[in-house]
Amino acid sequence: QVQLQESGGGLVKAGGSVRLSCAASGRTLSDFSDYAMGWFRQAPGKEHEFVATISRSGITQYYAESVKGRFTISRDNAKNTVYLQMNSLKPEDTAVYYCAAESLSSWALVVIGKGEYAYWGQGTQVTVSS
C-alpha cells in the first residue's frame, strides 16, 4: 500500500495564498518517481473535481481551467512529496483537497481522471473567506 498524507490547509482570506503538501510513504512505495500525482477537491454538496496533475518526472503539468494561472503543482521526488501552490485564492476554491497517486510507465504522461488513480490521501480543508 501507498499512503498519502496531505498538509497545509487552513483558513485564508480571498486573494491570499496557501501551499499544500502531500507526502507519500508505505511498504510498497519503492520509488515515488514511479507515480504520476494529482490534486482533486470536493466542495460541500459537490462532486470531486480535478485540479492539477504532474507527470513522474515533473516535466508535464496539467490544470483545470478554473485554477490555471493561479495554482502550480510541483514535486520533489527526493522527498517523496508533491505540492500545490495556490495563489489569488477565491471563496469558490473552498473545498477539501485530496492528493492522489497512480503508477505509470511513462515519465511524461499525466493522469486526469479520478477513477484512474489507485491511491488517495485523507484530504485537507482549505477555506477561503471573502
N, C-alpha and C. Protein backbone atom coordinates (compact mmCIF):
# COMPACT_ATOMS: atom_id res chain seq x y z
N GLN A 1 0.82 -1.20 0.00
CA GLN A 1 0.00 0.00 0.00
C GLN A 1 0.86 1.26 0.00
N VAL A 2 0.36 2.27 -0.65
CA VAL A 2 0.98 3.58 -0.65
C VAL A 2 0.10 4.50 0.18
N GLN A 3 0.69 5.13 1.16
CA GLN A 3 -0.06 6.09 1.98
C GLN A 3 0.29 7.51 1.55
N LEU A 4 -0.74 8.34 1.47
CA LEU A 4 -0.57 9.75 1.12
C LEU A 4 -1.13 10.60 2.25
N GLN A 5 -0.37 11.60 2.66
CA GLN A 5 -0.80 12.46 3.75
C GLN A 5 -0.68 13.92 3.32
N GLU A 6 -1.85 14.58 3.22
CA GLU A 6 -1.85 16.00 2.87
C GLU A 6 -1.67 16.87 4.10
N SER A 7 -1.13 18.05 3.87
CA SER A 7 -0.99 19.03 4.95
C SER A 7 -0.96 20.42 4.33
N GLY A 8 -1.14 21.42 5.18
CA GLY A 8 -1.02 22.80 4.72
C GLY A 8 -2.31 23.55 4.54
N GLY A 9 -3.42 22.87 4.73
CA GLY A 9 -4.70 23.55 4.58
C GLY A 9 -4.97 24.50 5.73
N GLY A 10 -6.05 25.27 5.61
CA GLY A 10 -6.43 26.19 6.66
C GLY A 10 -7.37 27.25 6.16
N LEU A 11 -7.48 28.31 6.95
CA LEU A 11 -8.36 29.42 6.61
C LEU A 11 -7.51 30.57 6.05
N VAL A 12 -7.93 31.09 4.92
CA VAL A 12 -7.19 32.18 4.26
C VAL A 12 -8.18 33.16 3.67
N LYS A 13 -7.78 34.41 3.60
CA LYS A 13 -8.64 35.42 3.01
C LYS A 13 -8.55 35.39 1.49
N ALA A 14 -9.60 35.82 0.85
CA ALA A 14 -9.60 35.90 -0.61
C ALA A 14 -8.42 36.75 -1.08
N GLY A 15 -7.77 36.25 -2.13
CA GLY A 15 -6.58 36.92 -2.63
C GLY A 15 -5.29 36.41 -2.03
N GLY A 16 -5.41 35.62 -0.99
CA GLY A 16 -4.24 35.08 -0.31
C GLY A 16 -3.70 33.83 -0.97
N SER A 17 -2.69 33.24 -0.30
CA SER A 17 -2.01 32.07 -0.84
C SER A 17 -1.89 30.98 0.21
N VAL A 18 -1.84 29.77 -0.26
CA VAL A 18 -1.64 28.59 0.59
C VAL A 18 -0.83 27.59 -0.22
N ARG A 19 0.06 26.88 0.44
CA ARG A 19 0.77 25.78 -0.21
C ARG A 19 0.42 24.47 0.48
N LEU A 20 -0.13 23.57 -0.29
CA LEU A 20 -0.43 22.23 0.21
C LEU A 20 0.72 21.29 -0.10
N SER A 21 0.93 20.35 0.80
CA SER A 21 1.93 19.31 0.60
C SER A 21 1.26 17.96 0.70
N CYS A 22 1.82 16.99 0.01
CA CYS A 22 1.33 15.62 0.09
C CYS A 22 2.55 14.70 0.13
N ALA A 23 2.74 14.07 1.27
CA ALA A 23 3.88 13.18 1.47
C ALA A 23 3.47 11.73 1.26
N ALA A 24 4.26 11.01 0.51
CA ALA A 24 3.96 9.61 0.21
C ALA A 24 4.85 8.70 1.05
N SER A 25 4.28 7.58 1.47
CA SER A 25 5.04 6.59 2.24
C SER A 25 4.37 5.23 2.05
N GLY A 26 5.00 4.18 2.62
CA GLY A 26 4.38 2.87 2.56
C GLY A 26 5.34 1.77 2.13
N ARG A 27 5.01 0.57 2.50
CA ARG A 27 5.87 -0.58 2.21
C ARG A 27 6.04 -0.80 0.72
N THR A 28 5.00 -0.53 -0.07
CA THR A 28 5.08 -0.78 -1.50
C THR A 28 5.56 0.43 -2.27
N LEU A 29 5.92 1.49 -1.58
CA LEU A 29 6.44 2.67 -2.27
C LEU A 29 7.92 2.47 -2.50
N SER A 30 8.24 1.77 -3.60
CA SER A 30 9.65 1.52 -3.88
C SER A 30 10.34 2.78 -4.36
N ASP A 31 9.61 3.58 -5.16
CA ASP A 31 10.18 4.80 -5.71
C ASP A 31 9.04 5.76 -6.01
N PHE A 32 9.04 6.90 -5.35
CA PHE A 32 7.99 7.89 -5.55
C PHE A 32 7.92 8.33 -7.00
N SER A 33 9.04 8.31 -7.67
CA SER A 33 9.07 8.76 -9.06
C SER A 33 8.39 7.78 -10.02
N ASP A 34 7.92 6.65 -9.53
CA ASP A 34 7.15 5.72 -10.35
C ASP A 34 5.72 6.20 -10.55
N TYR A 35 5.31 7.23 -9.79
CA TYR A 35 3.92 7.62 -9.73
C TYR A 35 3.66 9.00 -10.32
N ALA A 36 2.66 9.09 -11.21
CA ALA A 36 2.08 10.39 -11.54
C ALA A 36 1.21 10.80 -10.36
N MET A 37 1.15 12.11 -10.12
CA MET A 37 0.43 12.61 -8.96
C MET A 37 -0.62 13.62 -9.38
N GLY A 38 -1.68 13.69 -8.59
CA GLY A 38 -2.73 14.64 -8.91
C GLY A 38 -3.33 15.24 -7.66
N TRP A 39 -3.99 16.38 -7.85
CA TRP A 39 -4.77 17.02 -6.79
C TRP A 39 -6.22 17.13 -7.26
N PHE A 40 -7.12 16.81 -6.37
CA PHE A 40 -8.55 16.96 -6.60
C PHE A 40 -9.13 17.74 -5.42
N ARG A 41 -10.34 18.21 -5.59
CA ARG A 41 -11.01 18.89 -4.48
C ARG A 41 -12.49 18.56 -4.49
N GLN A 42 -13.08 18.68 -3.31
CA GLN A 42 -14.51 18.45 -3.19
C GLN A 42 -15.11 19.52 -2.29
N ALA A 43 -15.96 20.32 -2.86
CA ALA A 43 -16.68 21.34 -2.11
C ALA A 43 -17.96 20.74 -1.54
N PRO A 44 -18.52 21.32 -0.49
CA PRO A 44 -19.74 20.77 0.10
C PRO A 44 -20.85 20.61 -0.93
N GLY A 45 -21.42 19.43 -0.98
CA GLY A 45 -22.53 19.17 -1.87
C GLY A 45 -22.15 18.98 -3.32
N LYS A 46 -20.84 18.91 -3.60
CA LYS A 46 -20.41 18.78 -4.99
C LYS A 46 -19.58 17.53 -5.18
N GLU A 47 -19.39 17.15 -6.44
CA GLU A 47 -18.56 16.00 -6.78
C GLU A 47 -17.07 16.37 -6.66
N HIS A 48 -16.26 15.32 -6.59
CA HIS A 48 -14.81 15.54 -6.68
C HIS A 48 -14.50 16.24 -8.00
N GLU A 49 -13.62 17.22 -7.93
CA GLU A 49 -13.25 17.98 -9.11
C GLU A 49 -11.74 17.89 -9.32
N PHE A 50 -11.34 17.62 -10.55
CA PHE A 50 -9.93 17.60 -10.88
C PHE A 50 -9.35 19.01 -10.74
N VAL A 51 -8.14 19.11 -10.18
CA VAL A 51 -7.48 20.40 -10.01
C VAL A 51 -6.20 20.47 -10.83
N ALA A 52 -5.30 19.51 -10.62
CA ALA A 52 -4.00 19.55 -11.30
C ALA A 52 -3.36 18.18 -11.25
N THR A 53 -2.45 17.95 -12.20
CA THR A 53 -1.71 16.70 -12.23
C THR A 53 -0.29 16.97 -12.72
N ILE A 54 0.62 16.09 -12.32
CA ILE A 54 2.02 16.22 -12.72
C ILE A 54 2.58 14.85 -13.05
N SER A 55 3.41 14.80 -14.06
CA SER A 55 3.97 13.53 -14.51
C SER A 55 5.06 13.04 -13.55
N ARG A 56 5.49 11.82 -13.77
CA ARG A 56 6.51 11.22 -12.91
C ARG A 56 7.76 12.08 -12.82
N SER A 57 8.17 12.60 -13.95
CA SER A 57 9.41 13.39 -13.99
C SER A 57 9.19 14.84 -13.58
N GLY A 58 7.94 15.27 -13.57
CA GLY A 58 7.64 16.68 -13.30
C GLY A 58 7.64 17.53 -14.55
N ILE A 59 7.97 16.94 -15.69
CA ILE A 59 8.11 17.72 -16.91
C ILE A 59 6.77 18.16 -17.48
N THR A 60 5.70 17.44 -17.14
CA THR A 60 4.38 17.75 -17.65
C THR A 60 3.45 18.08 -16.49
N GLN A 61 2.74 19.20 -16.62
CA GLN A 61 1.68 19.54 -15.67
C GLN A 61 0.43 19.90 -16.46
N TYR A 62 -0.70 19.65 -15.83
CA TYR A 62 -1.97 19.98 -16.48
C TYR A 62 -2.93 20.47 -15.41
N TYR A 63 -3.70 21.50 -15.75
CA TYR A 63 -4.56 22.15 -14.77
C TYR A 63 -6.00 22.25 -15.25
N ALA A 64 -6.89 22.28 -14.29
CA ALA A 64 -8.27 22.63 -14.60
C ALA A 64 -8.32 24.09 -14.99
N GLU A 65 -9.24 24.42 -15.88
CA GLU A 65 -9.36 25.80 -16.34
C GLU A 65 -9.61 26.76 -15.17
N SER A 66 -10.34 26.29 -14.19
CA SER A 66 -10.72 27.16 -13.08
C SER A 66 -9.54 27.59 -12.21
N VAL A 67 -8.41 26.88 -12.30
CA VAL A 67 -7.26 27.21 -11.47
C VAL A 67 -6.03 27.60 -12.28
N LYS A 68 -6.12 27.48 -13.58
CA LYS A 68 -4.96 27.76 -14.44
C LYS A 68 -4.51 29.20 -14.24
N GLY A 69 -3.20 29.36 -14.08
CA GLY A 69 -2.64 30.69 -13.86
C GLY A 69 -2.60 31.10 -12.40
N ARG A 70 -3.31 30.38 -11.54
CA ARG A 70 -3.32 30.71 -10.10
C ARG A 70 -2.66 29.62 -9.27
N PHE A 71 -2.80 28.38 -9.68
CA PHE A 71 -2.25 27.24 -8.94
C PHE A 71 -1.06 26.67 -9.69
N THR A 72 -0.09 26.14 -8.93
CA THR A 72 1.07 25.48 -9.52
C THR A 72 1.33 24.17 -8.79
N ILE A 73 1.40 23.10 -9.56
CA ILE A 73 1.74 21.79 -8.99
C ILE A 73 3.22 21.53 -9.23
N SER A 74 3.87 20.95 -8.24
CA SER A 74 5.29 20.60 -8.37
C SER A 74 5.56 19.38 -7.51
N ARG A 75 6.73 18.83 -7.68
CA ARG A 75 7.08 17.63 -6.90
C ARG A 75 8.56 17.62 -6.60
N ASP A 76 8.91 16.97 -5.50
CA ASP A 76 10.29 16.74 -5.12
C ASP A 76 10.42 15.23 -4.91
N ASN A 77 10.93 14.54 -5.91
CA ASN A 77 11.00 13.08 -5.82
C ASN A 77 11.95 12.61 -4.73
N ALA A 78 12.94 13.40 -4.41
CA ALA A 78 13.86 13.03 -3.33
C ALA A 78 13.19 13.07 -1.97
N LYS A 79 12.13 13.88 -1.85
CA LYS A 79 11.40 14.00 -0.58
C LYS A 79 10.07 13.26 -0.61
N ASN A 80 9.78 12.55 -1.69
CA ASN A 80 8.51 11.82 -1.81
C ASN A 80 7.31 12.73 -1.58
N THR A 81 7.37 13.92 -2.12
CA THR A 81 6.34 14.92 -1.83
C THR A 81 5.91 15.65 -3.09
N VAL A 82 4.61 15.90 -3.18
CA VAL A 82 4.05 16.73 -4.23
C VAL A 82 3.41 17.95 -3.56
N TYR A 83 3.46 19.08 -4.25
CA TYR A 83 2.97 20.34 -3.69
C TYR A 83 1.90 20.94 -4.59
N LEU A 84 1.07 21.76 -3.98
CA LEU A 84 0.13 22.58 -4.74
C LEU A 84 0.19 23.99 -4.18
N GLN A 85 0.81 24.88 -4.93
CA GLN A 85 0.87 26.28 -4.55
C GLN A 85 -0.37 26.97 -5.09
N MET A 86 -1.14 27.56 -4.19
CA MET A 86 -2.41 28.17 -4.58
C MET A 86 -2.34 29.67 -4.29
N ASN A 87 -2.41 30.46 -5.33
CA ASN A 87 -2.35 31.91 -5.21
C ASN A 87 -3.67 32.54 -5.66
N SER A 88 -3.86 33.80 -5.31
CA SER A 88 -5.07 34.54 -5.72
C SER A 88 -6.32 33.73 -5.40
N LEU A 89 -6.38 33.22 -4.21
CA LEU A 89 -7.49 32.34 -3.83
C LEU A 89 -8.82 33.07 -3.83
N LYS A 90 -9.85 32.33 -4.19
CA LYS A 90 -11.22 32.84 -4.25
C LYS A 90 -12.10 32.02 -3.32
N PRO A 91 -13.20 32.59 -2.86
CA PRO A 91 -14.11 31.81 -2.00
C PRO A 91 -14.55 30.50 -2.64
N GLU A 92 -14.68 30.48 -3.95
CA GLU A 92 -15.09 29.25 -4.63
C GLU A 92 -14.02 28.18 -4.66
N ASP A 93 -12.82 28.50 -4.19
CA ASP A 93 -11.77 27.49 -4.04
C ASP A 93 -11.93 26.71 -2.73
N THR A 94 -12.85 27.12 -1.88
CA THR A 94 -13.09 26.42 -0.63
C THR A 94 -13.51 24.98 -0.89
N ALA A 95 -12.76 24.06 -0.30
CA ALA A 95 -13.03 22.64 -0.52
C ALA A 95 -12.06 21.81 0.34
N VAL A 96 -12.33 20.53 0.37
CA VAL A 96 -11.34 19.58 0.88
C VAL A 96 -10.47 19.18 -0.31
N TYR A 97 -9.17 19.29 -0.14
CA TYR A 97 -8.23 18.99 -1.21
C TYR A 97 -7.57 17.64 -0.95
N TYR A 98 -7.58 16.81 -1.99
CA TYR A 98 -7.03 15.47 -1.90
C TYR A 98 -5.89 15.30 -2.89
N CYS A 99 -4.84 14.59 -2.47
CA CYS A 99 -3.84 14.20 -3.45
C CYS A 99 -4.04 12.73 -3.80
N ALA A 100 -3.57 12.35 -4.96
CA ALA A 100 -3.75 11.00 -5.47
C ALA A 100 -2.51 10.57 -6.24
N ALA A 101 -2.28 9.26 -6.29
CA ALA A 101 -1.10 8.71 -6.96
C ALA A 101 -1.50 7.55 -7.85
N GLU A 102 -0.83 7.47 -9.00
CA GLU A 102 -1.06 6.36 -9.91
C GLU A 102 0.27 5.97 -10.56
N SER A 103 0.58 4.68 -10.53
CA SER A 103 1.81 4.20 -11.13
C SER A 103 1.70 4.22 -12.65
N LEU A 104 2.69 4.80 -13.31
CA LEU A 104 2.71 4.89 -14.77
C LEU A 104 4.06 4.46 -15.29
N SER A 105 4.07 3.91 -16.51
CA SER A 105 5.35 3.56 -17.13
C SER A 105 5.99 4.77 -17.79
N SER A 106 5.16 5.72 -18.22
CA SER A 106 5.69 6.89 -18.92
C SER A 106 6.16 7.96 -17.96
N TRP A 107 7.30 8.57 -18.27
CA TRP A 107 7.83 9.66 -17.46
C TRP A 107 7.09 10.97 -17.71
N ALA A 108 6.42 11.08 -18.86
CA ALA A 108 5.89 12.37 -19.26
C ALA A 108 4.37 12.48 -19.24
N LEU A 109 3.66 11.37 -19.17
CA LEU A 109 2.22 11.43 -19.20
C LEU A 109 1.63 11.83 -17.85
N VAL A 110 0.42 12.38 -17.91
CA VAL A 110 -0.28 12.75 -16.68
C VAL A 110 -1.60 11.99 -16.62
N VAL A 111 -2.24 12.04 -15.47
CA VAL A 111 -3.50 11.33 -15.24
C VAL A 111 -4.54 12.33 -14.78
N ILE A 112 -5.64 12.40 -15.52
CA ILE A 112 -6.65 13.41 -15.23
C ILE A 112 -7.89 12.82 -14.56
N GLY A 113 -8.25 11.62 -14.94
CA GLY A 113 -9.49 11.03 -14.44
C GLY A 113 -9.39 10.56 -13.01
N LYS A 114 -10.41 10.90 -12.22
CA LYS A 114 -10.43 10.47 -10.83
C LYS A 114 -10.35 8.95 -10.71
N GLY A 115 -11.06 8.24 -11.55
CA GLY A 115 -11.11 6.78 -11.48
C GLY A 115 -9.81 6.09 -11.86
N GLU A 116 -8.86 6.85 -12.40
CA GLU A 116 -7.60 6.26 -12.82
C GLU A 116 -6.56 6.23 -11.71
N TYR A 117 -6.84 6.89 -10.61
CA TYR A 117 -5.89 6.93 -9.51
C TYR A 117 -6.16 5.80 -8.52
N ALA A 118 -5.09 5.10 -8.14
CA ALA A 118 -5.23 3.95 -7.23
C ALA A 118 -5.16 4.36 -5.76
N TYR A 119 -4.40 5.40 -5.47
CA TYR A 119 -4.13 5.76 -4.08
C TYR A 119 -4.57 7.19 -3.81
N TRP A 120 -5.16 7.38 -2.62
CA TRP A 120 -5.71 8.68 -2.25
C TRP A 120 -5.33 9.01 -0.80
N GLY A 121 -5.16 10.31 -0.57
CA GLY A 121 -4.97 10.77 0.79
C GLY A 121 -6.32 11.03 1.46
N GLN A 122 -6.26 11.46 2.72
CA GLN A 122 -7.46 11.71 3.52
C GLN A 122 -8.04 13.09 3.28
N GLY A 123 -7.24 13.98 2.71
CA GLY A 123 -7.73 15.32 2.41
C GLY A 123 -7.35 16.35 3.46
N THR A 124 -7.28 17.60 3.00
CA THR A 124 -7.03 18.72 3.90
C THR A 124 -7.97 19.86 3.51
N GLN A 125 -8.56 20.49 4.52
CA GLN A 125 -9.56 21.52 4.27
C GLN A 125 -8.89 22.85 3.96
N VAL A 126 -9.36 23.50 2.91
CA VAL A 126 -8.97 24.87 2.60
C VAL A 126 -10.24 25.71 2.57
N THR A 127 -10.26 26.74 3.39
CA THR A 127 -11.42 27.63 3.45
C THR A 127 -10.96 29.04 3.10
N VAL A 128 -11.60 29.62 2.09
CA VAL A 128 -11.25 30.97 1.64
C VAL A 128 -12.40 31.91 2.01
N SER A 129 -12.11 32.87 2.85
CA SER A 129 -13.14 33.81 3.28
C SER A 129 -13.13 35.04 2.38
N SER A 130 -14.32 35.61 2.20
CA SER A 130 -14.45 36.78 1.32
C SER A 130 -14.22 38.08 2.08
